[in-house]
Amino acid sequence: MSETDWCFFRVRPDNFPTRRLIALSCLISKYHNPGLFQGILKLITEPPEEIAWRWLVDCLTIPAQGYWASHFDFNVIRSRSAALIGYDKAAEMAANIVLPFASAWSRISCAPKLEYKTAKIYLHLPKPADNELTRYMRQQLLITPGTCRTACHQQGLLHIFKSYCRYRDCASCLISAN
């Protein structure tokens, strides 16, 4: 990659590309044995159902340690320590990457137990922080803030937006029919 491919402009220092690459390398290293693929699947299959989502998110967090506990980038010192992958980012990764991957893999490999466990975790995973689209959809659908509690609910709002609202296709939307 050339130097111009790296974007640091209007990026919070905790989200600098170098920190994200370091976080990814730490995650790969953490699950090096038995491998990232098997490690991720174990995060879903091993814990008891009632704590599975918490276990998954906790295992995806990567605390800042060593050099990266006191640096944003190479030779850029920071005053406070922040995790390389914090709880909120880990929850987003679980909802947007790990669980969809595990669900797809369970169907490809004909593993109904994995599919069931993945769905259960997804249904109980708390929603990540709101963003502009989810706030807009809650406003449009007159949903009170406390009603949308899980990642599943939030992903549903995003799906409705991306399938209908973005294209102003109200006529095809089942919600507008009611």
N, C-alpha and C. Protein backbone atom coordinates (compact mmCIF):
# COMPACT_ATOMS: atom_id res chain seq x y z
N MET A 1 0.84 -1.18 0.00
CA MET A 1 0.00 0.00 0.00
C MET A 1 0.88 1.24 0.00
N SER A 2 0.40 2.23 -0.68
CA SER A 2 1.15 3.47 -0.67
C SER A 2 0.70 4.30 0.53
N GLU A 3 1.46 5.30 0.87
CA GLU A 3 1.15 6.15 2.02
C GLU A 3 -0.19 6.86 1.85
N THR A 4 -0.57 7.16 0.63
CA THR A 4 -1.83 7.88 0.38
C THR A 4 -3.06 6.98 0.58
N ASP A 5 -2.87 5.66 0.63
CA ASP A 5 -3.98 4.74 0.86
C ASP A 5 -4.46 4.75 2.31
N TRP A 6 -3.64 5.25 3.22
CA TRP A 6 -3.98 5.27 4.64
C TRP A 6 -4.76 6.53 4.95
N CYS A 7 -5.90 6.39 5.60
CA CYS A 7 -6.73 7.54 5.92
C CYS A 7 -6.73 7.78 7.43
N PHE A 8 -6.17 8.92 7.83
CA PHE A 8 -6.15 9.32 9.23
C PHE A 8 -6.99 10.59 9.44
N PHE A 9 -7.41 11.22 8.35
CA PHE A 9 -8.16 12.47 8.42
C PHE A 9 -9.57 12.19 8.93
N ARG A 10 -10.00 12.94 9.93
CA ARG A 10 -11.31 12.81 10.55
C ARG A 10 -11.56 11.40 11.10
N VAL A 11 -10.51 10.76 11.55
CA VAL A 11 -10.61 9.46 12.18
C VAL A 11 -10.16 9.62 13.63
N ARG A 12 -11.00 9.15 14.55
CA ARG A 12 -10.61 9.22 15.95
C ARG A 12 -9.32 8.42 16.14
N PRO A 13 -8.42 8.91 16.96
CA PRO A 13 -7.14 8.20 17.14
C PRO A 13 -7.29 6.74 17.56
N ASP A 14 -8.32 6.41 18.33
CA ASP A 14 -8.53 5.01 18.70
C ASP A 14 -8.88 4.14 17.50
N ASN A 15 -9.32 4.76 16.41
CA ASN A 15 -9.69 4.03 15.20
C ASN A 15 -8.66 4.17 14.08
N PHE A 16 -7.48 4.66 14.39
CA PHE A 16 -6.44 4.76 13.37
C PHE A 16 -6.22 3.39 12.72
N PRO A 17 -5.97 3.36 11.43
CA PRO A 17 -5.76 2.08 10.74
C PRO A 17 -4.64 1.24 11.37
N THR A 18 -3.59 1.89 11.85
CA THR A 18 -2.51 1.13 12.47
C THR A 18 -3.01 0.41 13.72
N ARG A 19 -3.83 1.08 14.54
CA ARG A 19 -4.38 0.42 15.74
C ARG A 19 -5.33 -0.71 15.36
N ARG A 20 -6.09 -0.54 14.30
CA ARG A 20 -7.00 -1.62 13.88
C ARG A 20 -6.21 -2.83 13.37
N LEU A 21 -5.11 -2.58 12.65
CA LEU A 21 -4.28 -3.69 12.20
C LEU A 21 -3.61 -4.40 13.37
N ILE A 22 -3.17 -3.63 14.35
CA ILE A 22 -2.57 -4.23 15.55
C ILE A 22 -3.63 -5.06 16.27
N ALA A 23 -4.84 -4.54 16.38
CA ALA A 23 -5.93 -5.27 17.04
C ALA A 23 -6.22 -6.58 16.30
N LEU A 24 -6.25 -6.52 14.97
CA LEU A 24 -6.49 -7.73 14.18
C LEU A 24 -5.38 -8.74 14.40
N SER A 25 -4.15 -8.28 14.41
CA SER A 25 -3.03 -9.21 14.62
C SER A 25 -3.10 -9.83 16.02
N CYS A 26 -3.52 -9.06 17.02
CA CYS A 26 -3.69 -9.60 18.38
C CYS A 26 -4.81 -10.63 18.42
N LEU A 27 -5.89 -10.37 17.70
CA LEU A 27 -7.00 -11.32 17.65
C LEU A 27 -6.57 -12.61 16.97
N ILE A 28 -5.85 -12.50 15.87
CA ILE A 28 -5.35 -13.69 15.17
C ILE A 28 -4.39 -14.46 16.07
N SER A 29 -3.54 -13.73 16.77
CA SER A 29 -2.59 -14.37 17.68
C SER A 29 -3.30 -15.06 18.84
N LYS A 30 -4.34 -14.44 19.36
CA LYS A 30 -5.10 -15.00 20.48
C LYS A 30 -5.71 -16.35 20.12
N TYR A 31 -6.15 -16.50 18.87
CA TYR A 31 -6.77 -17.74 18.43
C TYR A 31 -5.89 -18.51 17.44
N HIS A 32 -4.59 -18.28 17.56
CA HIS A 32 -3.63 -18.96 16.68
C HIS A 32 -3.74 -20.48 16.82
N ASN A 33 -3.88 -20.93 18.04
CA ASN A 33 -4.01 -22.35 18.29
C ASN A 33 -5.38 -22.59 18.90
N PRO A 34 -6.33 -23.13 18.31
CA PRO A 34 -6.36 -24.09 17.21
C PRO A 34 -6.57 -23.45 15.83
N GLY A 35 -6.47 -22.16 15.71
CA GLY A 35 -6.71 -21.45 14.46
C GLY A 35 -7.89 -20.52 14.62
N LEU A 36 -7.88 -19.42 13.90
CA LEU A 36 -8.93 -18.41 14.02
C LEU A 36 -10.31 -19.00 13.72
N PHE A 37 -10.41 -19.80 12.67
CA PHE A 37 -11.69 -20.39 12.28
C PHE A 37 -12.26 -21.25 13.41
N GLN A 38 -11.47 -22.21 13.89
CA GLN A 38 -11.94 -23.09 14.97
C GLN A 38 -12.13 -22.32 16.27
N GLY A 39 -11.27 -21.34 16.53
CA GLY A 39 -11.40 -20.54 17.75
C GLY A 39 -12.70 -19.76 17.79
N ILE A 40 -13.08 -19.18 16.66
CA ILE A 40 -14.32 -18.42 16.57
C ILE A 40 -15.52 -19.35 16.75
N LEU A 41 -15.48 -20.51 16.12
CA LEU A 41 -16.60 -21.46 16.27
C LEU A 41 -16.71 -21.94 17.71
N LYS A 42 -15.59 -22.12 18.40
CA LYS A 42 -15.63 -22.53 19.81
C LYS A 42 -16.26 -21.46 20.69
N LEU A 43 -16.06 -20.20 20.33
CA LEU A 43 -16.67 -19.12 21.10
C LEU A 43 -18.20 -19.22 21.08
N ILE A 44 -18.72 -19.84 20.06
CA ILE A 44 -20.17 -19.98 19.92
C ILE A 44 -20.65 -21.30 20.52
N THR A 45 -19.92 -22.37 20.29
CA THR A 45 -20.41 -23.69 20.70
C THR A 45 -20.13 -24.04 22.16
N GLU A 46 -19.06 -23.56 22.75
CA GLU A 46 -18.68 -24.02 24.09
C GLU A 46 -19.44 -23.41 25.26
N PRO A 47 -19.70 -22.12 25.30
CA PRO A 47 -20.31 -21.57 26.52
C PRO A 47 -21.77 -22.00 26.68
N PRO A 48 -22.24 -22.03 27.94
CA PRO A 48 -23.67 -22.31 28.17
C PRO A 48 -24.53 -21.23 27.51
N GLU A 49 -25.70 -21.60 27.09
CA GLU A 49 -26.57 -20.72 26.31
C GLU A 49 -26.88 -19.40 27.00
N GLU A 50 -27.07 -19.44 28.33
CA GLU A 50 -27.48 -18.23 29.04
C GLU A 50 -26.38 -17.17 29.13
N ILE A 51 -25.13 -17.53 28.95
CA ILE A 51 -24.04 -16.54 28.99
C ILE A 51 -23.28 -16.46 27.68
N ALA A 52 -23.76 -17.12 26.65
CA ALA A 52 -23.01 -17.26 25.40
C ALA A 52 -22.69 -15.92 24.75
N TRP A 53 -23.65 -14.99 24.69
CA TRP A 53 -23.37 -13.70 24.03
C TRP A 53 -22.32 -12.93 24.80
N ARG A 54 -22.39 -12.96 26.13
CA ARG A 54 -21.41 -12.24 26.95
C ARG A 54 -20.02 -12.83 26.76
N TRP A 55 -19.95 -14.14 26.72
CA TRP A 55 -18.69 -14.87 26.52
C TRP A 55 -18.09 -14.46 25.17
N LEU A 56 -18.91 -14.47 24.13
CA LEU A 56 -18.45 -14.12 22.79
C LEU A 56 -17.87 -12.71 22.75
N VAL A 57 -18.60 -11.75 23.28
CA VAL A 57 -18.15 -10.36 23.25
C VAL A 57 -16.88 -10.20 24.09
N ASP A 58 -16.86 -10.79 25.27
CA ASP A 58 -15.67 -10.69 26.13
C ASP A 58 -14.44 -11.29 25.46
N CYS A 59 -14.63 -12.39 24.75
CA CYS A 59 -13.48 -13.05 24.10
C CYS A 59 -13.00 -12.30 22.86
N LEU A 60 -13.85 -11.44 22.30
CA LEU A 60 -13.43 -10.64 21.14
C LEU A 60 -12.76 -9.32 21.54
N THR A 61 -12.88 -8.93 22.80
CA THR A 61 -12.22 -7.70 23.24
C THR A 61 -10.72 -7.95 23.35
N ILE A 62 -9.96 -6.94 23.01
CA ILE A 62 -8.49 -7.01 23.10
C ILE A 62 -8.03 -5.79 23.88
N PRO A 63 -7.53 -5.99 25.09
CA PRO A 63 -7.06 -4.83 25.87
C PRO A 63 -5.77 -4.27 25.29
N ALA A 64 -5.57 -2.99 25.50
CA ALA A 64 -4.30 -2.38 25.08
C ALA A 64 -3.23 -2.84 26.06
N GLN A 65 -2.12 -3.25 25.53
CA GLN A 65 -1.03 -3.69 26.39
C GLN A 65 0.29 -3.35 25.74
N GLY A 66 1.30 -3.32 26.54
CA GLY A 66 2.62 -3.01 26.03
C GLY A 66 2.68 -1.65 25.36
N TYR A 67 3.33 -1.57 24.25
CA TYR A 67 3.53 -0.33 23.51
C TYR A 67 2.20 0.36 23.19
N TRP A 68 1.18 -0.42 22.80
CA TRP A 68 -0.08 0.15 22.34
C TRP A 68 -0.97 0.64 23.46
N ALA A 69 -0.60 0.39 24.70
CA ALA A 69 -1.34 0.95 25.82
C ALA A 69 -1.07 2.45 25.96
N SER A 70 0.05 2.90 25.40
CA SER A 70 0.41 4.31 25.54
C SER A 70 0.64 5.02 24.20
N HIS A 71 0.21 4.41 23.09
CA HIS A 71 0.41 5.02 21.77
C HIS A 71 -0.83 4.88 20.89
N PHE A 72 -1.10 5.92 20.09
CA PHE A 72 -2.13 5.87 19.06
C PHE A 72 -1.58 5.25 17.79
N ASP A 73 -0.36 5.60 17.49
CA ASP A 73 0.30 5.22 16.26
C ASP A 73 1.79 5.11 16.59
N PHE A 74 2.59 4.74 15.64
CA PHE A 74 4.02 4.68 15.90
C PHE A 74 4.53 6.07 16.27
N ASN A 75 5.13 6.17 17.42
CA ASN A 75 5.72 7.40 17.94
C ASN A 75 4.70 8.50 18.24
N VAL A 76 3.42 8.17 18.38
CA VAL A 76 2.39 9.14 18.76
C VAL A 76 1.85 8.70 20.12
N ILE A 77 2.30 9.40 21.16
CA ILE A 77 1.98 9.02 22.53
C ILE A 77 0.58 9.49 22.90
N ARG A 78 -0.11 8.69 23.69
CA ARG A 78 -1.44 9.02 24.17
C ARG A 78 -1.42 9.15 25.68
N SER A 79 -2.34 9.94 26.23
CA SER A 79 -2.34 10.18 27.66
C SER A 79 -3.11 9.12 28.44
N ARG A 80 -4.07 8.47 27.80
CA ARG A 80 -4.85 7.45 28.50
C ARG A 80 -4.83 6.16 27.69
N SER A 81 -5.05 5.06 28.37
CA SER A 81 -5.06 3.77 27.71
C SER A 81 -6.48 3.41 27.28
N ALA A 82 -6.62 2.86 26.10
CA ALA A 82 -7.91 2.38 25.61
C ALA A 82 -7.68 1.04 24.93
N ALA A 83 -8.65 0.17 25.05
CA ALA A 83 -8.54 -1.17 24.48
C ALA A 83 -8.35 -1.08 22.96
N LEU A 84 -7.63 -2.04 22.42
CA LEU A 84 -7.50 -2.12 20.96
C LEU A 84 -8.84 -2.49 20.34
N ILE A 85 -9.55 -3.44 20.97
CA ILE A 85 -10.93 -3.74 20.60
C ILE A 85 -11.71 -3.71 21.91
N GLY A 86 -12.50 -2.66 22.07
CA GLY A 86 -13.29 -2.50 23.29
C GLY A 86 -14.60 -3.28 23.21
N TYR A 87 -15.38 -3.18 24.26
CA TYR A 87 -16.62 -3.92 24.37
C TYR A 87 -17.59 -3.58 23.22
N ASP A 88 -17.77 -2.28 22.94
CA ASP A 88 -18.72 -1.88 21.89
C ASP A 88 -18.29 -2.38 20.51
N LYS A 89 -17.00 -2.26 20.20
CA LYS A 89 -16.51 -2.74 18.91
C LYS A 89 -16.62 -4.26 18.82
N ALA A 90 -16.35 -4.95 19.93
CA ALA A 90 -16.47 -6.42 19.95
C ALA A 90 -17.92 -6.84 19.73
N ALA A 91 -18.87 -6.10 20.33
CA ALA A 91 -20.29 -6.41 20.13
C ALA A 91 -20.68 -6.19 18.67
N GLU A 92 -20.17 -5.14 18.06
CA GLU A 92 -20.44 -4.90 16.63
C GLU A 92 -19.84 -6.01 15.77
N MET A 93 -18.63 -6.43 16.11
CA MET A 93 -18.00 -7.53 15.36
C MET A 93 -18.81 -8.81 15.50
N ALA A 94 -19.32 -9.07 16.70
CA ALA A 94 -20.13 -10.27 16.91
C ALA A 94 -21.39 -10.21 16.05
N ALA A 95 -22.08 -9.07 16.06
CA ALA A 95 -23.34 -8.93 15.32
C ALA A 95 -23.15 -8.91 13.81
N ASN A 96 -22.08 -8.27 13.34
CA ASN A 96 -21.92 -8.03 11.91
C ASN A 96 -20.98 -8.99 11.19
N ILE A 97 -20.13 -9.71 11.94
CA ILE A 97 -19.14 -10.57 11.30
C ILE A 97 -19.24 -12.00 11.80
N VAL A 98 -19.03 -12.18 13.10
CA VAL A 98 -18.88 -13.52 13.65
C VAL A 98 -20.17 -14.33 13.55
N LEU A 99 -21.29 -13.78 14.01
CA LEU A 99 -22.54 -14.54 13.99
C LEU A 99 -23.06 -14.79 12.57
N PRO A 100 -23.02 -13.80 11.64
CA PRO A 100 -23.43 -14.13 10.26
C PRO A 100 -22.53 -15.19 9.63
N PHE A 101 -21.22 -15.11 9.90
CA PHE A 101 -20.30 -16.13 9.38
C PHE A 101 -20.65 -17.51 9.93
N ALA A 102 -20.84 -17.59 11.25
CA ALA A 102 -21.15 -18.88 11.88
C ALA A 102 -22.48 -19.44 11.37
N SER A 103 -23.44 -18.56 11.14
CA SER A 103 -24.73 -19.00 10.62
C SER A 103 -24.58 -19.56 9.21
N ALA A 104 -23.85 -18.85 8.37
CA ALA A 104 -23.61 -19.34 7.00
C ALA A 104 -22.84 -20.66 7.03
N TRP A 105 -21.82 -20.73 7.87
CA TRP A 105 -21.02 -21.95 7.96
C TRP A 105 -21.87 -23.12 8.45
N SER A 106 -22.77 -22.87 9.40
CA SER A 106 -23.60 -23.95 9.93
C SER A 106 -24.51 -24.52 8.84
N ARG A 107 -24.97 -23.67 7.93
CA ARG A 107 -25.83 -24.14 6.84
C ARG A 107 -25.02 -24.89 5.79
N ILE A 108 -23.84 -24.37 5.47
CA ILE A 108 -22.98 -25.03 4.47
C ILE A 108 -22.54 -26.41 4.96
N SER A 109 -22.19 -26.48 6.24
CA SER A 109 -21.65 -27.72 6.79
C SER A 109 -22.72 -28.62 7.41
N CYS A 110 -23.99 -28.25 7.25
CA CYS A 110 -25.12 -29.03 7.80
C CYS A 110 -24.91 -29.31 9.28
N ALA A 111 -24.76 -28.23 10.06
CA ALA A 111 -24.55 -28.33 11.51
C ALA A 111 -25.72 -27.63 12.21
N PRO A 112 -26.84 -28.33 12.41
CA PRO A 112 -28.01 -27.68 13.00
C PRO A 112 -27.79 -27.18 14.43
N LYS A 113 -26.95 -27.85 15.21
CA LYS A 113 -26.68 -27.39 16.58
C LYS A 113 -25.97 -26.04 16.57
N LEU A 114 -25.02 -25.88 15.66
CA LEU A 114 -24.31 -24.61 15.52
C LEU A 114 -25.28 -23.53 15.06
N GLU A 115 -26.14 -23.86 14.13
CA GLU A 115 -27.12 -22.88 13.62
C GLU A 115 -28.06 -22.44 14.74
N TYR A 116 -28.53 -23.38 15.54
CA TYR A 116 -29.43 -23.08 16.66
C TYR A 116 -28.73 -22.18 17.67
N LYS A 117 -27.51 -22.53 18.05
CA LYS A 117 -26.77 -21.77 19.06
C LYS A 117 -26.46 -20.36 18.54
N THR A 118 -26.10 -20.24 17.28
CA THR A 118 -25.83 -18.95 16.67
C THR A 118 -27.07 -18.06 16.71
N ALA A 119 -28.22 -18.62 16.37
CA ALA A 119 -29.47 -17.86 16.39
C ALA A 119 -29.81 -17.42 17.81
N LYS A 120 -29.62 -18.30 18.78
CA LYS A 120 -29.91 -17.95 20.18
C LYS A 120 -29.02 -16.81 20.66
N ILE A 121 -27.75 -16.87 20.32
CA ILE A 121 -26.83 -15.80 20.73
C ILE A 121 -27.26 -14.49 20.07
N TYR A 122 -27.57 -14.55 18.79
CA TYR A 122 -27.96 -13.35 18.05
C TYR A 122 -29.22 -12.71 18.63
N LEU A 123 -30.18 -13.54 19.04
CA LEU A 123 -31.42 -13.02 19.60
C LEU A 123 -31.24 -12.36 20.97
N HIS A 124 -30.17 -12.71 21.67
CA HIS A 124 -29.92 -12.16 23.00
C HIS A 124 -28.81 -11.11 23.04
N LEU A 125 -28.08 -10.96 21.97
CA LEU A 125 -26.97 -10.01 21.93
C LEU A 125 -27.51 -8.58 22.02
N PRO A 126 -27.07 -7.81 23.03
CA PRO A 126 -27.55 -6.42 23.13
C PRO A 126 -27.13 -5.62 21.90
N LYS A 127 -27.93 -4.63 21.59
CA LYS A 127 -27.65 -3.83 20.40
C LYS A 127 -26.39 -2.99 20.61
N PRO A 128 -25.63 -2.81 19.54
CA PRO A 128 -24.52 -1.87 19.60
C PRO A 128 -25.07 -0.45 19.72
N ALA A 129 -24.20 0.50 19.87
CA ALA A 129 -24.61 1.90 20.00
C ALA A 129 -25.43 2.32 18.79
N ASP A 130 -26.41 3.20 19.02
CA ASP A 130 -27.23 3.72 17.93
C ASP A 130 -26.37 4.53 16.97
N ASN A 131 -26.83 4.59 15.75
CA ASN A 131 -26.17 5.44 14.75
C ASN A 131 -27.25 6.26 14.05
N GLU A 132 -26.85 7.03 13.10
CA GLU A 132 -27.77 7.94 12.42
C GLU A 132 -28.95 7.19 11.79
N LEU A 133 -28.67 6.05 11.16
CA LEU A 133 -29.73 5.30 10.49
C LEU A 133 -30.71 4.68 11.47
N THR A 134 -30.21 4.11 12.56
CA THR A 134 -31.13 3.48 13.51
C THR A 134 -31.98 4.53 14.22
N ARG A 135 -31.39 5.69 14.52
CA ARG A 135 -32.18 6.77 15.12
C ARG A 135 -33.26 7.24 14.14
N TYR A 136 -32.91 7.38 12.87
CA TYR A 136 -33.86 7.79 11.84
C TYR A 136 -35.00 6.77 11.73
N MET A 137 -34.67 5.49 11.71
CA MET A 137 -35.69 4.46 11.57
C MET A 137 -36.60 4.39 12.79
N ARG A 138 -36.03 4.54 13.97
CA ARG A 138 -36.86 4.57 15.17
C ARG A 138 -37.85 5.73 15.11
N GLN A 139 -37.36 6.87 14.63
CA GLN A 139 -38.23 8.06 14.50
C GLN A 139 -39.33 7.81 13.47
N GLN A 140 -38.96 7.25 12.33
CA GLN A 140 -39.94 7.00 11.26
C GLN A 140 -41.01 5.99 11.68
N LEU A 141 -40.60 4.98 12.45
CA LEU A 141 -41.52 3.92 12.85
C LEU A 141 -42.15 4.16 14.22
N LEU A 142 -41.85 5.33 14.81
CA LEU A 142 -42.38 5.71 16.11
C LEU A 142 -42.06 4.66 17.19
N ILE A 143 -40.81 4.21 17.18
CA ILE A 143 -40.35 3.22 18.15
C ILE A 143 -39.67 3.95 19.30
N THR A 144 -40.10 3.66 20.50
CA THR A 144 -39.47 4.29 21.67
C THR A 144 -38.08 3.71 21.86
N PRO A 145 -37.13 4.51 22.38
CA PRO A 145 -35.74 4.05 22.51
C PRO A 145 -35.57 2.73 23.28
N GLY A 146 -36.33 2.49 24.33
CA GLY A 146 -36.16 1.26 25.11
C GLY A 146 -36.70 0.01 24.45
N THR A 147 -37.47 0.16 23.38
CA THR A 147 -38.09 -0.99 22.71
C THR A 147 -37.08 -1.79 21.89
N CYS A 148 -36.17 -1.12 21.25
CA CYS A 148 -35.17 -1.76 20.40
C CYS A 148 -33.96 -2.11 21.28
N ARG A 149 -33.93 -3.35 21.80
CA ARG A 149 -32.92 -3.72 22.79
C ARG A 149 -31.81 -4.63 22.27
N THR A 150 -32.06 -5.37 21.23
CA THR A 150 -31.08 -6.36 20.79
C THR A 150 -30.46 -5.99 19.45
N ALA A 151 -29.35 -6.64 19.16
CA ALA A 151 -28.69 -6.46 17.86
C ALA A 151 -29.62 -6.91 16.74
N CYS A 152 -30.41 -7.93 17.02
CA CYS A 152 -31.37 -8.43 16.03
C CYS A 152 -32.38 -7.35 15.67
N HIS A 153 -32.91 -6.64 16.66
CA HIS A 153 -33.85 -5.54 16.40
C HIS A 153 -33.17 -4.45 15.57
N GLN A 154 -31.96 -4.10 15.97
CA GLN A 154 -31.24 -3.03 15.28
C GLN A 154 -30.93 -3.42 13.83
N GLN A 155 -30.51 -4.66 13.62
CA GLN A 155 -30.23 -5.12 12.27
C GLN A 155 -31.51 -5.13 11.42
N GLY A 156 -32.64 -5.44 12.06
CA GLY A 156 -33.92 -5.38 11.36
C GLY A 156 -34.24 -3.98 10.87
N LEU A 157 -34.00 -2.98 11.73
CA LEU A 157 -34.22 -1.59 11.32
C LEU A 157 -33.33 -1.22 10.14
N LEU A 158 -32.07 -1.65 10.20
CA LEU A 158 -31.14 -1.35 9.10
C LEU A 158 -31.57 -2.05 7.82
N HIS A 159 -32.07 -3.27 7.95
CA HIS A 159 -32.53 -4.01 6.77
C HIS A 159 -33.72 -3.30 6.11
N ILE A 160 -34.67 -2.86 6.94
CA ILE A 160 -35.83 -2.14 6.40
C ILE A 160 -35.37 -0.87 5.69
N PHE A 161 -34.45 -0.13 6.31
CA PHE A 161 -33.96 1.09 5.68
C PHE A 161 -33.30 0.78 4.33
N LYS A 162 -32.39 -0.20 4.33
CA LYS A 162 -31.62 -0.49 3.12
C LYS A 162 -32.46 -1.13 2.02
N SER A 163 -33.54 -1.81 2.40
CA SER A 163 -34.39 -2.46 1.40
C SER A 163 -35.48 -1.55 0.85
N TYR A 164 -35.99 -0.64 1.68
CA TYR A 164 -37.15 0.16 1.26
C TYR A 164 -36.94 1.67 1.39
N CYS A 165 -36.59 2.11 2.59
CA CYS A 165 -36.53 3.56 2.85
C CYS A 165 -35.49 4.26 1.98
N ARG A 166 -34.35 3.63 1.80
CA ARG A 166 -33.29 4.25 0.99
C ARG A 166 -33.80 4.57 -0.41
N TYR A 167 -34.66 3.70 -0.95
CA TYR A 167 -35.17 3.86 -2.31
C TYR A 167 -36.55 4.52 -2.33
N ARG A 168 -37.03 4.91 -1.15
CA ARG A 168 -38.36 5.50 -1.01
C ARG A 168 -39.42 4.60 -1.65
N ASP A 169 -39.28 3.31 -1.38
CA ASP A 169 -40.18 2.30 -1.93
C ASP A 169 -41.20 1.88 -0.88
N CYS A 170 -41.96 2.83 -0.40
CA CYS A 170 -42.95 2.60 0.67
C CYS A 170 -44.03 1.63 0.22
N ALA A 171 -44.36 1.63 -1.06
CA ALA A 171 -45.44 0.78 -1.57
C ALA A 171 -45.10 -0.70 -1.39
N SER A 172 -43.84 -1.07 -1.46
CA SER A 172 -43.44 -2.47 -1.33
C SER A 172 -43.19 -2.89 0.12
N CYS A 173 -43.07 -1.94 1.00
CA CYS A 173 -42.73 -2.23 2.39
C CYS A 173 -43.96 -2.76 3.14
N LEU A 174 -43.80 -3.89 3.81
CA LEU A 174 -44.89 -4.49 4.56
C LEU A 174 -45.34 -3.61 5.73
N ILE A 175 -44.45 -2.84 6.28
CA ILE A 175 -44.80 -1.97 7.40
C ILE A 175 -45.77 -0.88 6.97
N SER A 176 -45.55 -0.31 5.80
CA SER A 176 -46.44 0.76 5.33
C SER A 176 -47.81 0.22 4.95
N ALA A 177 -47.91 -1.08 4.68
CA ALA A 177 -49.19 -1.69 4.32
C ALA A 177 -50.11 -1.76 5.54
N ASN A 178 -49.50 -1.75 6.74
CA ASN A 178 -50.30 -1.83 7.96
C ASN A 178 -50.67 -0.44 8.33
